[in-house]
Amino acid sequence: MKTEDKFSFGKYKGKTLQEVLSDNCDYVWWCLQNIEYFTVEPEVEKVVEKHHEERERRKIIEREAYYDWLEEEVTDRFDYT
């Protein structure tokens, strides 16, 4: 699929790949992972993979920050010393 090609399926039916990349790059990643016949140009695939890796990295950082906050909150509330 080229960036000017339109989706013929799903919630982005009729939208170009470029439009979907701009709106919801994760959807393109999902398509690449789950639809056997769905392919994109190698440059586009690299961009999608990089976006996905960065998103996963951010999720880990956010999760770690949440756990740090939670640990501090629990310690503050239940510190009976």
C-alpha atoms as a PDB file:
ATOM      1  CA  MET A   1       0.000   0.000   0.000  1.00  0.00           C
ATOM      2  CA  LYS A   2       1.321   3.430  -0.944  1.00  0.00           C
ATOM      3  CA  THR A   3       0.630   6.572   1.060  1.00  0.00           C
ATOM      4  CA  GLU A   4      -1.874   7.841  -1.517  1.00  0.00           C
ATOM      5  CA  ASP A   5      -3.774   4.520  -1.653  1.00  0.00           C
ATOM      6  CA  LYS A   6      -7.132   4.355   0.108  1.00  0.00           C
ATOM      7  CA  PHE A   7      -8.232   1.812   2.672  1.00  0.00           C
ATOM      8  CA  SER A   8     -10.889  -0.549   1.324  1.00  0.00           C
ATOM      9  CA  PHE A   9     -11.876  -1.898   4.745  1.00  0.00           C
ATOM     10  CA  GLY A  10     -12.372  -1.033   8.380  1.00  0.00           C
ATOM     11  CA  LYS A  11     -13.159   2.190  10.155  1.00  0.00           C
ATOM     12  CA  TYR A  12     -10.859   4.139   7.826  1.00  0.00           C
ATOM     13  CA  LYS A  13     -12.418   2.832   4.615  1.00  0.00           C
ATOM     14  CA  GLY A  14     -12.022   5.510   1.929  1.00  0.00           C
ATOM     15  CA  LYS A  15      -9.184   7.315   3.749  1.00  0.00           C
ATOM     16  CA  THR A  16      -5.675   7.374   2.329  1.00  0.00           C
ATOM     17  CA  LEU A  17      -2.835   5.669   4.136  1.00  0.00           C
ATOM     18  CA  GLN A  18      -1.313   9.123   4.720  1.00  0.00           C
ATOM     19  CA  GLU A  19      -4.522  10.317   6.394  1.00  0.00           C
ATOM     20  CA  VAL A  20      -4.645   7.255   8.624  1.00  0.00           C
ATOM     21  CA  LEU A  21      -0.954   7.576   9.506  1.00  0.00           C
ATOM     22  CA  SER A  22      -1.607  11.156  10.593  1.00  0.00           C
ATOM     23  CA  ASP A  23      -4.771  10.288  12.505  1.00  0.00           C
ATOM     24  CA  ASN A  24      -4.010   6.888  14.029  1.00  0.00           C
ATOM     25  CA  CYS A  25      -0.615   5.361  13.287  1.00  0.00           C
ATOM     26  CA  ASP A  26      -1.399   2.585  15.787  1.00  0.00           C
ATOM     27  CA  TYR A  27      -4.182   1.366  13.498  1.00  0.00           C
ATOM     28  CA  VAL A  28      -1.669   0.907  10.675  1.00  0.00           C
ATOM     29  CA  TRP A  29       0.641  -0.980  13.049  1.00  0.00           C
ATOM     30  CA  TRP A  30      -2.280  -3.191  14.088  1.00  0.00           C
ATOM     31  CA  CYS A  31      -3.102  -3.898  10.420  1.00  0.00           C
ATOM     32  CA  LEU A  32       0.518  -4.849   9.729  1.00  0.00           C
ATOM     33  CA  GLN A  33       0.510  -7.254  12.675  1.00  0.00           C
ATOM     34  CA  ASN A  34      -2.898  -8.834  12.123  1.00  0.00           C
ATOM     35  CA  ILE A  35      -3.855  -8.747   8.439  1.00  0.00           C
ATOM     36  CA  GLU A  36      -1.804 -11.117   6.339  1.00  0.00           C
ATOM     37  CA  TYR A  37      -2.369  -9.329   3.037  1.00  0.00           C
ATOM     38  CA  PHE A  38      -1.793  -5.816   4.422  1.00  0.00           C
ATOM     39  CA  THR A  39       1.585  -4.397   3.418  1.00  0.00           C
ATOM     40  CA  VAL A  40       3.063  -0.927   3.114  1.00  0.00           C
ATOM     41  CA  GLU A  41       6.216   0.469   1.558  1.00  0.00           C
ATOM     42  CA  PRO A  42       9.374  -0.286   3.592  1.00  0.00           C
ATOM     43  CA  GLU A  43       9.902   3.403   4.497  1.00  0.00           C
ATOM     44  CA  VAL A  44       6.363   3.617   5.855  1.00  0.00           C
ATOM     45  CA  GLU A  45       6.790   0.396   7.807  1.00  0.00           C
ATOM     46  CA  LYS A  46       9.923   1.831   9.465  1.00  0.00           C
ATOM     47  CA  VAL A  47       8.011   4.962  10.501  1.00  0.00           C
ATOM     48  CA  VAL A  48       5.142   2.875  11.889  1.00  0.00           C
ATOM     49  CA  GLU A  49       7.515   0.596  13.809  1.00  0.00           C
ATOM     50  CA  LYS A  50       9.418   3.574  15.227  1.00  0.00           C
ATOM     51  CA  HIS A  51       6.143   5.188  16.315  1.00  0.00           C
ATOM     52  CA  HIS A  52       5.023   1.945  17.966  1.00  0.00           C
ATOM     53  CA  GLU A  53       8.336   1.465  19.782  1.00  0.00           C
ATOM     54  CA  GLU A  54       8.217   5.048  21.070  1.00  0.00           C
ATOM     55  CA  ARG A  55       4.633   4.598  22.232  1.00  0.00           C
ATOM     56  CA  GLU A  56       5.545   1.403  24.079  1.00  0.00           C
ATOM     57  CA  ARG A  57       8.522   3.176  25.680  1.00  0.00           C
ATOM     58  CA  ARG A  58       6.244   6.007  26.859  1.00  0.00           C
ATOM     59  CA  LYS A  59       3.790   3.492  28.318  1.00  0.00           C
ATOM     60  CA  ILE A  60       6.593   1.874  30.337  1.00  0.00           C
ATOM     61  CA  ILE A  61       7.783   5.259  31.623  1.00  0.00           C
ATOM     62  CA  GLU A  62       4.227   6.250  32.559  1.00  0.00           C
ATOM     63  CA  ARG A  63       3.667   2.925  34.304  1.00  0.00           C
ATOM     64  CA  GLU A  64       6.908   3.267  36.265  1.00  0.00           C
ATOM     65  CA  ALA A  65       6.007   6.820  37.274  1.00  0.00           C
ATOM     66  CA  TYR A  66       2.584   5.625  38.421  1.00  0.00           C
ATOM     67  CA  TYR A  67       4.081   2.813  40.503  1.00  0.00           C
ATOM     68  CA  ASP A  68       6.575   5.248  42.056  1.00  0.00           C
ATOM     69  CA  TRP A  69       3.712   7.601  42.913  1.00  0.00           C
ATOM     70  CA  LEU A  70       1.590   4.745  44.267  1.00  0.00           C
ATOM     71  CA  GLU A  71       4.398   3.447  46.455  1.00  0.00           C
ATOM     72  CA  GLU A  72       4.989   6.933  47.847  1.00  0.00           C
ATOM     73  CA  GLU A  73       1.256   7.469  48.410  1.00  0.00           C
ATOM     74  CA  VAL A  74       0.829   4.161  50.230  1.00  0.00           C
ATOM     75  CA  THR A  75       3.928   4.754  52.328  1.00  0.00           C
ATOM     76  CA  ASP A  76       2.725   8.249  53.302  1.00  0.00           C
ATOM     77  CA  ARG A  77      -0.781   7.085  54.198  1.00  0.00           C
ATOM     78  CA  PHE A  78       0.145   3.979  56.126  1.00  0.00           C
ATOM     79  CA  ASP A  79       3.383   4.985  57.802  1.00  0.00           C
ATOM     80  CA  TYR A  80       2.531   4.248  61.427  1.00  0.00           C
ATOM     81  CA  THR A  81       5.956   4.920  62.865  1.00  0.00           C
END
